[in-house]
Amino acid sequence: MALFIDLFGYWSVILHGLSLVAQSMALGGALFLVLLAHPLAPRLGDPGPLLLRDTARITAWSAVALILCEAAGIALQTALLVGTIDLTVGNVLGADFAIAGMAKITCAVLLLLALGVRHARVQSACLLVIVLAALIAATLTTHAASRLENRGVLLILEGLHQLGAAIWIGGIPCFVLALARVHDGGGWRRVGARFSAMSIAGVGCILASGIAMSLLYIGSWQGFYGTPYGAMVGAKIALFLLLLALGAGNFLLVERLRRDPAVPVIRLKRFAEVEIGIGFAVFFAAASLTSAPPAVDFVGGEHGQAPASWNVIATHYAPRWPILASPPVGTLALPALHRELAAEAVEEGTPAPEVFPPGAGQLPPRNRADIAWSEVNHHWAGIIVLAIGLLALANQAGLRWARHWPLLFVGLAGFLFLRADPEIWPLGYEGLLDSLRDSEVFQHRLVVLLVLLLAWLEWRVRAGRLQGRPAALAFPVLSLLGGMLLLTHNHAGGSAQEQLVIELAHIPVALLAIVAAGARWLELRLAPPADRVAGWIWPLSFTLIALVLLMYRE
């Protein structure tokens, strides 16, 4: 059970992120049907029925995904509570989280049934009622439901926030599909103008509720920059601004369409595709946010810890030369303890005890050598990534020999495999398969696999051995996935300030990886000269990632 508890924290965040994506797409698809597809279908001609059918399909599959995610979440939490507390399954299913989850499942089932209604007005009325009920249920799984102060206000704000996300981000996949179905300037103008109006409403809901919730959940500037919760809110704000920039570009293009229906809409489609990826990253950042206590609790002292001061943060991240000399692996806390216990076991003639069982739900011991080891890891990784970024820039400038830069990712993967967890084989005493019980080790190994896959696919594309756009698109997809995983990546740590230091290092890397993913996607999907601009952004993003890694301190 200790193993399950340790794994639960990470996988519950991943599952919650998937649930938020499915919920937003299901509700966004329903609202897209009500607000855009039904009103415009009769005026779009032949594409109208196709738009209705395909929007309903996206909504239906998203509802199915929501049912599966919520059912898995309830099962996971039920197993945890039944195994750790003297409760029956019936007792657990009567808890607020289970009731809210089952309510969302019920709404998703009703949504599937409502999609079968033939009469447009009746279907729209049913969908609006279901969306409202689902939003009410969704707010009961947020921080607002557990607050003692301003609970009613926070629940309303949470509902408004999720409504805005559904209208805007959740509706973008249907919008991209609509642009693909319509083939004339008049249709593009109608669809673009209607979705722009919907997006403005969604952005307004997100912005108003986000500002209000920040005041109530964070409470002060120190809570914003000095706590893990505030840092993750900062990541959400950065992603929101990226979405706004892309949305503003699309809004301007829609305004041009109003004046001239012959304006090409290729950029409108491609920007919307990138918005989908960034929107998914927002939901995973939101899922990570729900696993951290609000910043106002630290400021108020409820957790017995104070937020970090600006002077502490500034001093910690003052520029210093990277550390490249690594301490011996034997001086690290866990290997040293293993050697000591093994020697005692030999003297006593007994089997050597397990030093630190992976997945035991405990914090591993650390010493100064561990801190130095971690910093050296990040700094050498920064040097490798810097070489990748500079060679990619050289290749972009026309140097053909630099096209083999993806092979450096193989070196990065090998470095991470050897040094990310020195207590694990081949440097340490713990077996590779046994170590995967630890969620942190599992995340590190998953990153190694992603980096190797990225290296193999992108090098074959650059070398001309793998032809076709789908193969090239693997690079932005894997970069986006890496950024999203990094937003949910958790390290075992003690105080909130220790967690903050890790967050402040990981969040910029995650954001830059997401920017690189979007830029590479646009480079592949846009026509000249826009593709060349995007082609310079993603290698610059990798270069900036390297600088962040070189400045890493614990």
Protein backbone atom coordinates (compact mmCIF):
# COMPACT_ATOMS: atom_id res chain seq x y z
CA MET A 1 0.00 0.00 0.00
CA ALA A 2 2.92 2.36 0.66
CA LEU A 3 3.97 1.82 -2.95
CA PHE A 4 0.46 2.63 -4.16
CA ILE A 5 0.36 5.82 -2.07
CA ASP A 6 3.63 7.02 -3.54
CA LEU A 7 2.51 6.36 -7.11
CA PHE A 8 -0.96 7.77 -6.49
CA GLY A 9 0.18 11.39 -6.23
CA TYR A 10 1.76 11.50 -9.68
CA TRP A 11 -0.75 9.40 -11.59
CA SER A 12 -3.69 11.25 -10.07
CA VAL A 13 -2.30 14.52 -11.52
CA ILE A 14 -1.89 12.92 -14.97
CA LEU A 15 -5.38 11.45 -14.80
CA HIS A 16 -6.84 14.76 -13.68
CA GLY A 17 -5.13 16.52 -16.59
CA LEU A 18 -6.63 14.04 -19.06
CA SER A 19 -10.03 14.48 -17.42
CA LEU A 20 -9.82 18.28 -17.78
CA VAL A 21 -8.96 17.91 -21.47
CA ALA A 22 -11.87 15.52 -22.06
CA GLN A 23 -14.28 17.68 -20.05
CA SER A 24 -13.33 20.85 -21.90
CA MET A 25 -13.64 19.22 -25.31
CA ALA A 26 -16.97 17.57 -24.46
CA LEU A 27 -18.54 20.75 -23.09
CA GLY A 28 -16.82 22.88 -25.72
CA GLY A 29 -18.17 20.64 -28.47
CA ALA A 30 -21.69 20.86 -27.03
CA LEU A 31 -21.50 24.66 -26.87
CA PHE A 32 -20.03 24.77 -30.38
CA LEU A 33 -23.08 22.85 -31.60
CA VAL A 34 -25.48 25.19 -29.83
CA LEU A 35 -23.78 28.52 -30.57
CA LEU A 36 -22.22 27.95 -34.00
CA ALA A 37 -23.00 24.70 -35.83
CA HIS A 38 -26.81 24.74 -35.47
CA PRO A 39 -27.25 28.47 -36.33
CA LEU A 40 -24.82 28.43 -39.29
CA ALA A 41 -25.39 24.97 -40.81
CA PRO A 42 -28.42 26.03 -42.91
CA ARG A 43 -26.39 28.92 -44.40
CA LEU A 44 -23.28 26.91 -45.22
CA GLY A 45 -24.84 24.74 -47.91
CA ASP A 46 -23.45 21.23 -48.38
CA PRO A 47 -20.78 21.53 -45.63
CA GLY A 48 -23.51 22.29 -43.04
CA PRO A 49 -24.65 18.69 -42.38
CA LEU A 50 -21.03 17.51 -42.38
CA LEU A 51 -20.15 20.14 -39.79
CA LEU A 52 -23.01 19.02 -37.54
CA ARG A 53 -22.05 15.37 -37.89
CA ASP A 54 -18.34 15.84 -37.24
CA THR A 55 -18.87 18.22 -34.31
CA ALA A 56 -21.21 15.68 -32.74
CA ARG A 57 -18.56 12.98 -33.20
CA ILE A 58 -15.85 15.04 -31.50
CA THR A 59 -18.25 15.79 -28.64
CA ALA A 60 -19.29 12.16 -28.31
CA TRP A 61 -15.74 10.78 -28.20
CA SER A 62 -14.76 13.46 -25.70
CA ALA A 63 -17.72 12.46 -23.52
CA VAL A 64 -16.61 8.83 -23.66
CA ALA A 65 -13.08 9.87 -22.66
CA LEU A 66 -14.53 11.90 -19.77
CA ILE A 67 -16.48 8.87 -18.54
CA LEU A 68 -13.35 6.70 -18.60
CA CYS A 69 -11.14 9.30 -16.90
CA GLU A 70 -13.63 10.04 -14.13
CA ALA A 71 -14.33 6.34 -13.53
CA ALA A 72 -10.59 5.65 -13.30
CA GLY A 73 -10.14 8.60 -10.93
CA ILE A 74 -12.91 7.42 -8.62
CA ALA A 75 -11.54 3.86 -8.64
CA LEU A 76 -8.02 5.09 -7.87
CA GLN A 77 -9.07 7.25 -4.93
CA THR A 78 -11.45 4.60 -3.62
CA ALA A 79 -8.69 1.99 -3.61
CA LEU A 80 -6.41 4.41 -1.76
CA LEU A 81 -8.95 5.29 0.94
CA VAL A 82 -10.20 1.74 1.46
CA GLY A 83 -6.61 0.50 1.75
CA THR A 84 -5.43 3.17 4.19
CA ILE A 85 -8.50 4.08 6.26
CA ASP A 86 -11.07 1.86 7.87
CA LEU A 87 -13.77 2.69 5.31
CA THR A 88 -15.96 0.58 3.09
CA VAL A 89 -16.44 1.17 -0.62
CA GLY A 90 -19.94 2.43 0.14
CA ASN A 91 -18.59 5.00 2.59
CA VAL A 92 -16.06 6.26 0.07
CA LEU A 93 -18.60 6.51 -2.75
CA GLY A 94 -20.63 8.81 -0.51
CA ALA A 95 -17.77 11.32 -0.29
CA ASP A 96 -17.99 14.64 -2.13
CA PHE A 97 -15.27 13.78 -4.66
CA ALA A 98 -17.02 10.53 -5.63
CA ILE A 99 -20.43 12.19 -5.89
CA ALA A 100 -18.98 14.94 -8.07
CA GLY A 101 -17.20 12.39 -10.28
CA MET A 102 -20.32 10.28 -10.68
CA ALA A 103 -22.30 13.42 -11.48
CA LYS A 104 -19.85 14.24 -14.27
CA ILE A 105 -20.14 10.68 -15.57
CA THR A 106 -23.92 11.02 -15.55
CA CYS A 107 -23.70 14.32 -17.44
CA ALA A 108 -21.40 12.72 -20.02
CA VAL A 109 -23.87 9.86 -20.53
CA LEU A 110 -26.75 12.32 -20.89
CA LEU A 111 -24.62 14.29 -23.35
CA LEU A 112 -24.24 11.18 -25.50
CA LEU A 113 -28.00 10.65 -25.42
CA ALA A 114 -28.70 14.30 -26.25
CA LEU A 115 -26.49 14.10 -29.33
CA GLY A 116 -29.01 11.62 -30.74
CA VAL A 117 -31.89 14.12 -30.58
CA ARG A 118 -32.87 15.13 -34.12
CA HIS A 119 -34.68 18.40 -33.45
CA ALA A 120 -32.10 21.19 -33.32
CA ARG A 121 -33.85 23.42 -30.76
CA VAL A 122 -34.66 20.55 -28.42
CA GLN A 123 -31.11 19.25 -28.69
CA SER A 124 -29.66 22.70 -27.97
CA ALA A 125 -31.85 23.14 -24.89
CA CYS A 126 -30.81 19.71 -23.58
CA LEU A 127 -27.14 20.40 -24.23
CA LEU A 128 -27.22 23.72 -22.37
CA VAL A 129 -28.82 22.10 -19.31
CA ILE A 130 -26.25 19.28 -19.35
CA VAL A 131 -23.33 21.71 -19.70
CA LEU A 132 -24.59 23.71 -16.72
CA ALA A 133 -24.97 20.56 -14.61
CA ALA A 134 -21.49 19.33 -15.60
CA LEU A 135 -19.92 22.67 -14.66
CA ILE A 136 -21.59 22.59 -11.25
CA ALA A 137 -20.25 19.08 -10.66
CA ALA A 138 -16.79 20.05 -11.89
CA THR A 139 -16.48 22.92 -9.40
CA LEU A 140 -16.95 20.45 -6.53
CA THR A 141 -13.57 18.86 -7.33
CA THR A 142 -11.63 22.15 -7.15
CA HIS A 143 -9.91 23.99 -4.30
CA ALA A 144 -13.06 26.08 -3.88
CA ALA A 145 -15.06 23.12 -2.56
CA SER A 146 -12.71 22.69 0.42
CA ARG A 147 -12.39 26.35 1.39
CA LEU A 148 -13.98 27.70 4.55
CA GLU A 149 -13.84 31.36 3.54
CA ASN A 150 -15.48 32.80 0.39
CA ARG A 151 -16.59 29.30 -0.61
CA GLY A 152 -19.67 30.38 -2.53
CA VAL A 153 -17.84 33.11 -4.42
CA LEU A 154 -14.95 30.77 -5.28
CA LEU A 155 -17.32 28.07 -6.55
CA ILE A 156 -18.96 30.58 -8.90
CA LEU A 157 -15.56 31.81 -10.08
CA GLU A 158 -14.34 28.25 -10.66
CA GLY A 159 -17.45 27.50 -12.71
CA LEU A 160 -16.98 30.66 -14.75
CA HIS A 161 -13.31 29.78 -15.31
CA GLN A 162 -14.14 26.30 -16.59
CA LEU A 163 -16.97 27.66 -18.74
CA GLY A 164 -14.57 30.08 -20.43
CA ALA A 165 -12.05 27.28 -21.02
CA ALA A 166 -14.77 25.09 -22.56
CA ILE A 167 -16.07 27.82 -24.89
CA TRP A 168 -12.63 28.88 -26.10
CA ILE A 169 -10.06 26.09 -25.74
CA GLY A 170 -12.53 23.21 -25.81
CA GLY A 171 -14.17 24.59 -28.94
CA ILE A 172 -10.97 25.00 -30.97
CA PRO A 173 -10.85 21.37 -32.27
CA CYS A 174 -14.38 21.81 -33.64
CA PHE A 175 -13.35 25.17 -35.12
CA VAL A 176 -10.37 23.59 -36.94
CA LEU A 177 -12.67 20.91 -38.30
CA ALA A 178 -15.20 23.53 -39.42
CA LEU A 179 -12.50 25.43 -41.33
CA ALA A 180 -11.55 22.18 -43.09
CA ARG A 181 -15.18 21.44 -44.05
CA VAL A 182 -15.97 24.89 -45.45
CA HIS A 183 -14.40 25.72 -48.81
CA ASP A 184 -15.52 29.24 -49.68
CA GLY A 185 -14.69 32.71 -48.39
CA GLY A 186 -18.23 33.44 -47.26
CA GLY A 187 -18.38 30.32 -45.13
CA TRP A 188 -14.98 30.97 -43.61
CA ARG A 189 -16.07 34.50 -42.77
CA ARG A 190 -19.25 33.31 -41.03
CA VAL A 191 -17.51 30.56 -39.07
CA GLY A 192 -14.54 32.76 -38.16
CA ALA A 193 -16.66 35.69 -37.04
CA ARG A 194 -18.96 33.54 -34.91
CA PHE A 195 -16.11 31.67 -33.24
CA SER A 196 -14.24 34.93 -32.64
CA ALA A 197 -17.26 36.24 -30.74
CA MET A 198 -17.42 32.99 -28.74
CA SER A 199 -13.68 33.15 -28.02
CA ILE A 200 -13.91 36.74 -26.79
CA ALA A 201 -16.66 35.66 -24.38
CA GLY A 202 -14.54 32.70 -23.24
CA VAL A 203 -11.47 34.87 -22.75
CA GLY A 204 -13.55 37.34 -20.76
CA CYS A 205 -14.77 34.56 -18.45
CA ILE A 206 -11.23 33.23 -17.94
CA LEU A 207 -9.69 36.64 -17.39
CA ALA A 208 -12.30 37.95 -14.94
CA SER A 209 -12.47 34.75 -12.90
CA GLY A 210 -8.70 34.24 -13.05
CA ILE A 211 -7.95 37.67 -11.63
CA ALA A 212 -10.52 37.24 -8.86
CA MET A 213 -9.30 33.76 -7.93
CA SER A 214 -5.68 34.94 -7.90
CA LEU A 215 -6.59 37.58 -5.34
CA LEU A 216 -8.37 35.01 -3.16
CA TYR A 217 -6.01 32.04 -3.60
CA ILE A 218 -2.69 33.91 -3.68
CA GLY A 219 -3.43 37.07 -1.76
CA SER A 220 -0.11 38.91 -2.17
CA TRP A 221 2.86 39.40 -4.48
CA GLN A 222 5.00 37.32 -2.15
CA GLY A 223 2.50 34.49 -2.42
CA PHE A 224 2.77 34.79 -6.21
CA TYR A 225 6.54 34.63 -6.58
CA GLY A 226 7.41 32.86 -3.32
CA THR A 227 5.29 29.67 -3.36
CA PRO A 228 4.97 26.64 -5.68
CA TYR A 229 1.28 27.47 -6.18
CA GLY A 230 2.11 31.00 -7.31
CA ALA A 231 4.83 29.72 -9.64
CA MET A 232 2.39 27.35 -11.34
CA VAL A 233 -0.18 30.15 -11.66
CA GLY A 234 2.59 32.10 -13.39
CA ALA A 235 3.03 29.20 -15.83
CA LYS A 236 -0.69 29.23 -16.58
CA ILE A 237 -0.56 32.99 -17.17
CA ALA A 238 2.35 32.58 -19.59
CA LEU A 239 0.47 29.90 -21.54
CA PHE A 240 -2.67 32.05 -21.50
CA LEU A 241 -0.71 34.94 -23.00
CA LEU A 242 0.61 32.64 -25.74
CA LEU A 243 -2.95 31.60 -26.52
CA LEU A 244 -4.03 35.25 -26.54
CA ALA A 245 -1.27 36.15 -29.00
CA LEU A 246 -2.31 33.38 -31.39
CA GLY A 247 -5.98 34.25 -30.89
CA ALA A 248 -5.30 37.92 -31.60
CA GLY A 249 -3.59 36.96 -34.86
CA ASN A 250 -6.62 34.92 -35.86
CA PHE A 251 -8.97 37.73 -34.85
CA LEU A 252 -7.15 40.15 -37.16
CA LEU A 253 -7.36 37.64 -39.99
CA VAL A 254 -11.09 37.20 -39.43
CA GLU A 255 -11.49 40.97 -39.63
CA ARG A 256 -9.69 40.89 -42.98
CA LEU A 257 -12.09 38.16 -44.11
CA ARG A 258 -15.01 40.46 -43.33
CA ARG A 259 -13.64 42.91 -45.91
CA ASP A 260 -12.29 40.42 -48.41
CA PRO A 261 -13.64 36.82 -48.49
CA ALA A 262 -10.77 35.84 -50.81
CA VAL A 263 -8.15 36.20 -48.05
CA PRO A 264 -6.35 32.82 -47.51
CA VAL A 265 -7.22 31.15 -44.22
CA ILE A 266 -4.25 28.80 -43.98
CA ARG A 267 -2.72 30.80 -41.12
CA LEU A 268 -6.06 30.78 -39.31
CA LYS A 269 -6.08 26.97 -39.42
CA ARG A 270 -2.46 26.54 -38.38
CA PHE A 271 -2.62 28.99 -35.49
CA ALA A 272 -5.75 27.22 -34.24
CA GLU A 273 -3.90 23.88 -34.38
CA VAL A 274 -1.13 25.28 -32.20
CA GLU A 275 -3.74 26.70 -29.83
CA ILE A 276 -5.05 23.17 -29.28
CA GLY A 277 -1.64 21.96 -28.11
CA ILE A 278 -1.05 24.94 -25.84
CA GLY A 279 -4.58 24.59 -24.49
CA PHE A 280 -3.91 20.98 -23.52
CA ALA A 281 -0.76 22.14 -21.72
CA VAL A 282 -2.88 24.67 -19.80
CA PHE A 283 -5.09 21.85 -18.54
CA PHE A 284 -2.11 19.84 -17.31
CA ALA A 285 -0.77 22.93 -15.55
CA ALA A 286 -4.21 23.31 -13.95
CA ALA A 287 -4.12 19.66 -12.87
CA SER A 288 -0.71 20.19 -11.28
CA LEU A 289 -2.08 23.30 -9.56
CA THR A 290 -4.83 21.32 -7.82
CA SER A 291 -2.21 19.14 -6.12
CA ALA A 292 -0.61 22.15 -4.36
CA PRO A 293 -2.13 24.10 -1.47
CA PRO A 294 -3.11 27.70 -2.34
CA ALA A 295 -0.42 30.30 -1.69
CA VAL A 296 -2.62 32.22 0.74
CA ASP A 297 -2.36 29.29 3.16
CA PHE A 298 1.41 29.66 3.33
CA VAL A 299 1.18 33.40 3.74
CA GLY A 300 -1.29 32.85 6.55
CA GLY A 301 0.94 30.26 8.16
CA GLU A 302 -1.55 27.39 8.00
CA HIS A 303 1.17 25.01 6.80
CA GLY A 304 3.78 26.30 9.21
CA GLN A 305 5.95 27.55 6.33
CA ALA A 306 6.51 31.03 4.99
CA PRO A 307 6.85 31.87 1.29
CA ALA A 308 10.29 32.67 -0.04
CA SER A 309 11.27 36.33 -0.04
CA TRP A 310 12.35 38.12 -3.21
CA ASN A 311 15.88 38.57 -1.81
CA VAL A 312 16.19 34.83 -1.21
CA ILE A 313 15.08 34.05 -4.77
CA ALA A 314 17.30 36.73 -6.31
CA THR A 315 20.33 35.57 -4.31
CA HIS A 316 19.68 31.94 -5.16
CA TYR A 317 19.48 32.61 -8.89
CA ALA A 318 22.29 35.15 -9.12
CA PRO A 319 24.45 34.23 -12.17
CA ARG A 320 27.31 31.87 -11.32
CA TRP A 321 29.61 29.67 -13.34
CA PRO A 322 28.26 26.15 -13.93
CA ILE A 323 29.64 23.33 -11.81
CA LEU A 324 31.09 20.60 -14.03
CA ALA A 325 33.13 18.54 -11.54
CA SER A 326 30.98 15.78 -10.07
CA PRO A 327 31.37 14.35 -6.56
CA PRO A 328 32.09 10.59 -6.37
CA VAL A 329 28.94 8.50 -6.46
CA GLY A 330 30.01 6.81 -3.23
CA THR A 331 29.70 10.09 -1.31
CA LEU A 332 25.97 10.43 -2.06
CA ALA A 333 23.62 9.77 0.84
CA LEU A 334 21.91 6.60 -0.40
CA PRO A 335 25.00 4.81 -1.82
CA ALA A 336 26.96 5.68 1.33
CA LEU A 337 24.18 4.35 3.55
CA HIS A 338 23.91 1.20 1.42
CA ARG A 339 27.66 0.57 1.76
CA GLU A 340 27.49 1.06 5.52
CA LEU A 341 24.51 -1.28 6.01
CA ALA A 342 26.00 -3.90 3.69
CA ALA A 343 29.23 -3.90 5.71
CA GLU A 344 27.29 -4.32 8.96
CA ALA A 345 25.29 -7.19 7.47
CA VAL A 346 28.49 -8.99 6.45
CA GLU A 347 29.86 -8.69 9.99
CA GLU A 348 26.63 -9.99 11.51
CA GLY A 349 26.12 -12.67 8.89
CA THR A 350 22.64 -11.42 8.00
CA PRO A 351 21.12 -10.35 4.66
CA ALA A 352 21.69 -6.70 3.83
CA PRO A 353 18.55 -4.63 4.48
CA GLU A 354 16.96 -2.51 1.79
CA VAL A 355 18.33 1.01 2.16
CA PHE A 356 15.45 2.97 0.71
CA PRO A 357 12.59 0.97 -0.78
CA PRO A 358 11.45 2.69 -4.01
CA GLY A 359 7.82 3.68 -3.83
CA ALA A 360 7.71 3.56 -0.04
CA GLY A 361 6.22 7.05 0.17
CA GLN A 362 9.19 8.42 2.12
CA LEU A 363 11.61 11.26 1.46
CA PRO A 364 15.09 9.91 0.60
CA PRO A 365 18.04 11.15 2.64
CA ARG A 366 20.18 13.83 0.96
CA ASN A 367 23.49 15.50 1.73
CA ARG A 368 25.69 18.18 0.15
CA ALA A 369 27.08 15.70 -2.36
CA ASP A 370 23.53 14.95 -3.58
CA ILE A 371 22.89 18.65 -4.16
CA ALA A 372 26.19 19.03 -6.04
CA TRP A 373 25.43 15.90 -8.09
CA SER A 374 22.04 17.27 -9.14
CA GLU A 375 23.49 20.66 -10.09
CA VAL A 376 26.24 19.03 -12.16
CA ASN A 377 23.60 16.94 -13.94
CA HIS A 378 21.62 20.02 -14.92
CA HIS A 379 24.70 21.96 -15.98
CA TRP A 380 26.08 19.23 -18.24
CA ALA A 381 22.61 18.70 -19.68
CA GLY A 382 22.56 22.45 -20.36
CA ILE A 383 25.83 22.19 -22.30
CA ILE A 384 24.43 19.37 -24.46
CA VAL A 385 21.17 21.25 -25.10
CA LEU A 386 23.17 24.42 -25.90
CA ALA A 387 25.08 22.48 -28.54
CA ILE A 388 21.77 21.19 -29.92
CA GLY A 389 20.34 24.70 -30.11
CA LEU A 390 23.43 26.23 -31.74
CA LEU A 391 23.77 23.43 -34.31
CA ALA A 392 20.05 23.68 -35.12
CA LEU A 393 20.51 27.42 -35.68
CA ALA A 394 23.51 26.71 -37.92
CA ASN A 395 21.46 24.20 -39.89
CA GLN A 396 18.68 26.77 -40.19
CA ALA A 397 21.24 29.23 -41.56
CA GLY A 398 22.11 26.80 -44.35
CA LEU A 399 25.03 24.76 -42.99
CA ARG A 400 24.17 21.30 -44.30
CA TRP A 401 26.67 19.43 -42.10
CA ALA A 402 24.82 20.67 -39.00
CA ARG A 403 21.69 18.70 -39.98
CA HIS A 404 22.87 15.82 -37.76
CA TRP A 405 22.20 17.83 -34.58
CA PRO A 406 19.41 15.42 -33.45
CA LEU A 407 22.09 12.81 -32.70
CA LEU A 408 23.12 14.92 -29.70
CA PHE A 409 19.81 13.94 -28.14
CA VAL A 410 21.18 10.38 -27.94
CA GLY A 411 24.03 11.70 -25.80
CA LEU A 412 21.54 13.59 -23.63
CA ALA A 413 19.41 10.47 -23.17
CA GLY A 414 22.46 8.39 -22.23
CA PHE A 415 23.62 11.04 -19.76
CA LEU A 416 20.18 11.18 -18.11
CA PHE A 417 19.96 7.38 -17.98
CA LEU A 418 23.30 7.13 -16.17
CA ARG A 419 23.12 10.08 -13.80
CA ALA A 420 19.51 11.08 -13.12
CA ASP A 421 19.21 8.46 -10.36
CA PRO A 422 22.71 7.37 -9.22
CA GLU A 423 21.35 4.85 -6.74
CA ILE A 424 19.90 2.87 -9.66
CA TRP A 425 21.70 0.45 -11.99
CA PRO A 426 24.23 0.83 -13.60
CA LEU A 427 25.86 3.21 -11.09
CA GLY A 428 23.94 2.16 -8.00
CA TYR A 429 22.80 -0.86 -6.04
CA GLU A 430 19.09 -0.84 -6.98
CA GLY A 431 17.85 -2.91 -9.92
CA LEU A 432 16.39 -1.10 -12.92
CA LEU A 433 12.99 -2.80 -12.87
CA ASP A 434 12.60 -2.49 -9.10
CA SER A 435 13.42 1.22 -9.30
CA LEU A 436 10.44 1.89 -11.58
CA ARG A 437 8.20 1.57 -8.52
CA ASP A 438 9.38 5.06 -7.59
CA SER A 439 7.31 7.67 -9.44
CA GLU A 440 10.24 10.08 -9.75
CA VAL A 441 12.52 7.42 -11.25
CA PHE A 442 9.71 6.36 -13.59
CA GLN A 443 9.33 9.94 -14.82
CA HIS A 444 13.08 10.19 -15.47
CA ARG A 445 13.09 6.94 -17.45
CA LEU A 446 10.05 8.08 -19.43
CA VAL A 447 11.89 11.28 -20.38
CA VAL A 448 14.88 9.21 -21.54
CA LEU A 449 12.61 7.18 -23.85
CA LEU A 450 10.99 10.33 -25.24
CA VAL A 451 14.39 11.91 -25.93
CA LEU A 452 15.62 8.75 -27.70
CA LEU A 453 12.46 8.60 -29.81
CA LEU A 454 12.83 12.28 -30.66
CA ALA A 455 16.48 11.78 -31.66
CA TRP A 456 15.75 8.77 -33.88
CA LEU A 457 12.77 10.24 -35.72
CA GLU A 458 14.13 13.78 -36.22
CA TRP A 459 17.57 12.59 -37.35
CA ARG A 460 15.99 10.30 -39.95
CA VAL A 461 13.87 13.23 -41.13
CA ARG A 462 16.89 15.57 -41.33
CA ALA A 463 19.02 12.96 -43.08
CA GLY A 464 16.29 12.34 -45.66
CA ARG A 465 15.75 8.74 -44.58
CA LEU A 466 12.19 9.30 -43.39
CA GLN A 467 9.93 11.12 -45.80
CA GLY A 468 6.49 12.62 -45.28
CA ARG A 469 4.94 15.25 -43.06
CA PRO A 470 3.63 12.83 -40.34
CA ALA A 471 7.20 11.78 -39.52
CA ALA A 472 8.35 15.40 -39.28
CA LEU A 473 5.43 16.28 -37.02
CA ALA A 474 6.74 13.84 -34.41
CA PHE A 475 9.23 16.50 -33.28
CA PRO A 476 6.65 19.13 -32.21
CA VAL A 477 4.34 16.48 -30.76
CA LEU A 478 7.08 14.96 -28.60
CA SER A 479 8.34 18.41 -27.57
CA LEU A 480 4.83 19.35 -26.48
CA LEU A 481 4.46 16.08 -24.58
CA GLY A 482 7.80 16.67 -22.85
CA GLY A 483 6.76 20.17 -21.80
CA MET A 484 3.44 18.92 -20.46
CA LEU A 485 5.09 16.12 -18.48
CA LEU A 486 7.58 18.59 -17.03
CA LEU A 487 4.70 20.76 -15.78
CA THR A 488 3.44 17.75 -13.81
CA HIS A 489 6.89 16.46 -12.79
CA ASN A 490 7.28 16.21 -9.04
CA HIS A 491 10.42 15.77 -6.96
CA ALA A 492 10.49 14.48 -3.43
CA GLY A 493 11.23 17.50 -1.32
CA GLY A 494 10.74 18.88 2.14
CA SER A 495 9.80 22.53 2.55
CA ALA A 496 7.73 24.68 0.25
CA GLN A 497 10.84 26.72 -0.54
CA GLU A 498 12.69 23.60 -1.72
CA GLN A 499 9.74 22.77 -3.96
CA LEU A 500 9.70 26.36 -5.22
CA VAL A 501 13.36 26.17 -6.28
CA ILE A 502 12.56 23.07 -8.36
CA GLU A 503 9.43 24.65 -9.86
CA LEU A 504 11.29 27.83 -10.81
CA ALA A 505 13.81 25.71 -12.72
CA HIS A 506 11.35 23.33 -14.39
CA ILE A 507 8.60 25.75 -15.41
CA PRO A 508 10.73 27.90 -17.79
CA VAL A 509 12.08 24.74 -19.45
CA ALA A 510 8.54 23.39 -19.87
CA LEU A 511 7.26 26.68 -21.31
CA LEU A 512 10.16 26.96 -23.76
CA ALA A 513 9.63 23.33 -24.87
CA ILE A 514 5.97 24.16 -25.57
CA VAL A 515 7.00 27.28 -27.52
CA ALA A 516 9.49 25.20 -29.51
CA ALA A 517 6.77 22.65 -30.27
CA GLY A 518 4.39 25.31 -31.54
CA ALA A 519 7.05 27.04 -33.64
CA ARG A 520 8.23 23.79 -35.24
CA TRP A 521 4.59 22.86 -36.00
CA LEU A 522 4.08 26.21 -37.74
CA GLU A 523 7.35 25.85 -39.65
CA LEU A 524 6.11 22.56 -41.06
CA ARG A 525 2.53 23.64 -41.70
CA LEU A 526 2.85 27.22 -42.98
CA ALA A 527 3.97 28.44 -46.37
CA PRO A 528 6.88 30.87 -46.92
CA PRO A 529 7.80 33.37 -45.59
CA ALA A 530 5.91 32.67 -42.34
CA ASP A 531 7.49 29.24 -41.98
CA ARG A 532 10.98 30.75 -41.96
CA VAL A 533 10.15 33.02 -39.03
CA ALA A 534 8.84 30.05 -37.05
CA GLY A 535 11.92 28.07 -38.10
CA TRP A 536 14.17 30.44 -36.16
CA ILE A 537 12.03 30.48 -33.01
CA TRP A 538 12.27 26.84 -31.97
CA PRO A 539 16.11 26.55 -32.05
CA LEU A 540 16.30 29.80 -30.09
CA SER A 541 13.93 28.22 -27.57
CA PHE A 542 16.30 25.27 -27.15
CA THR A 543 19.18 27.67 -26.65
CA LEU A 544 17.24 29.46 -23.91
CA ILE A 545 16.43 26.09 -22.30
CA ALA A 546 20.18 25.46 -22.14
CA LEU A 547 20.76 28.77 -20.37
CA VAL A 548 18.08 27.92 -17.79
CA LEU A 549 19.74 24.55 -17.13
CA LEU A 550 23.16 26.18 -16.79
CA MET A 551 21.77 28.50 -14.10
CA TYR A 552 20.16 25.67 -12.11
CA ARG A 553 20.83 25.75 -8.37
CA GLU A 554 19.43 23.84 -5.40
